[in-house]
Amino acid sequence: MTYDVEFSLEAAAELLRIAGVGGSKAAIRAADSIRRRLESDPEGHGNFLSEGLYYIDEEPIRAFFLIDEESTSVEITDFRIL
């Protein structure tokens, strides 16, 4: 099963901020890798936090996300620098 992976507006803005601060494209590459991994198996690749919130790490960032099984979609809600 393939999941649709979307970034919230807040997550996209934070990713751009992180990429700008670091002066590197590593965060953008990591976000793309995270998106591809979540498309195939979000629960298997993620780590459960609480109340439906998961996270996944890919140097140099951590992405927080929610899974909607009914619509087979994933929403990345935030990014943080590791």
Protein backbone atom coordinates (compact mmCIF):
# COMPACT_ATOMS: atom_id res chain seq x y z
CA MET A 1 0.00 0.00 0.00
CA THR A 2 1.28 3.48 -0.84
CA TYR A 3 0.57 6.42 1.43
CA ASP A 4 0.20 10.03 0.31
CA VAL A 5 2.70 12.09 2.27
CA GLU A 6 2.03 15.81 2.72
CA PHE A 7 3.84 18.53 4.66
CA SER A 8 1.80 20.95 6.72
CA LEU A 9 2.47 24.62 5.97
CA GLU A 10 4.22 24.94 9.32
CA ALA A 11 6.44 21.92 8.60
CA ALA A 12 7.38 23.23 5.15
CA ALA A 13 8.27 26.64 6.61
CA GLU A 14 10.38 25.04 9.35
CA LEU A 15 12.20 22.86 6.81
CA LEU A 16 13.06 25.93 4.74
CA ARG A 17 14.24 27.74 7.87
CA ILE A 18 16.45 24.80 8.88
CA ALA A 19 17.90 24.54 5.38
CA GLY A 20 18.57 28.29 5.33
CA VAL A 21 20.22 28.38 8.75
CA GLY A 22 22.50 25.47 7.94
CA GLY A 23 23.36 26.82 4.53
CA SER A 24 23.15 23.27 3.26
CA LYS A 25 20.82 21.18 1.17
CA ALA A 26 21.25 18.21 3.54
CA ALA A 27 17.94 18.95 5.29
CA ILE A 28 16.08 19.04 1.97
CA ARG A 29 17.64 15.73 0.88
CA ALA A 30 16.78 14.21 4.28
CA ALA A 31 13.16 15.39 4.03
CA ASP A 32 12.86 13.78 0.60
CA SER A 33 14.29 10.52 1.95
CA ILE A 34 11.84 10.65 4.87
CA ARG A 35 8.94 11.25 2.47
CA ARG A 36 9.92 8.21 0.38
CA ARG A 37 10.27 5.98 3.45
CA LEU A 38 6.88 7.07 4.82
CA GLU A 39 5.14 6.40 1.50
CA SER A 40 5.71 2.67 1.87
CA ASP A 41 5.41 1.97 5.61
CA PRO A 42 4.96 4.95 7.94
CA GLU A 43 4.27 2.94 11.05
CA GLY A 44 7.20 0.59 10.41
CA HIS A 45 9.69 3.39 9.78
CA GLY A 46 8.41 5.72 12.49
CA ASN A 47 8.68 5.70 16.25
CA PHE A 48 5.47 6.18 18.23
CA LEU A 49 5.40 9.10 20.69
CA SER A 50 1.81 9.49 21.91
CA GLU A 51 -1.73 10.32 20.84
CA GLY A 52 -1.13 9.27 17.23
CA LEU A 53 2.10 11.25 16.83
CA TYR A 54 5.20 9.55 15.40
CA TYR A 55 8.71 10.68 14.55
CA ILE A 56 11.40 9.59 12.14
CA ASP A 57 15.05 10.64 12.01
CA GLU A 58 17.25 11.21 9.00
CA GLU A 59 20.42 13.22 9.64
CA PRO A 60 20.31 16.16 10.15
CA ILE A 61 16.56 16.35 10.91
CA ARG A 62 13.71 14.73 12.80
CA ALA A 63 10.22 14.78 11.30
CA PHE A 64 7.03 14.47 13.35
CA PHE A 65 3.99 13.00 11.61
CA LEU A 66 0.45 11.67 11.88
CA ILE A 67 -0.94 8.65 10.04
CA ASP A 68 -4.49 8.48 8.70
CA GLU A 69 -5.08 4.80 7.90
CA GLU A 70 -8.56 5.42 6.51
CA SER A 71 -7.34 7.76 3.77
CA THR A 72 -3.87 6.14 3.57
CA SER A 73 -2.18 9.48 4.12
CA VAL A 74 0.60 10.84 6.28
CA GLU A 75 0.90 14.45 7.41
CA ILE A 76 4.34 15.67 8.41
CA THR A 77 3.54 18.27 11.04
CA ASP A 78 6.98 19.55 12.05
CA PHE A 79 10.75 19.25 11.60
CA ARG A 80 13.54 19.73 14.12
CA ILE A 81 17.32 19.69 13.87
CA LEU A 82 18.90 16.61 15.47
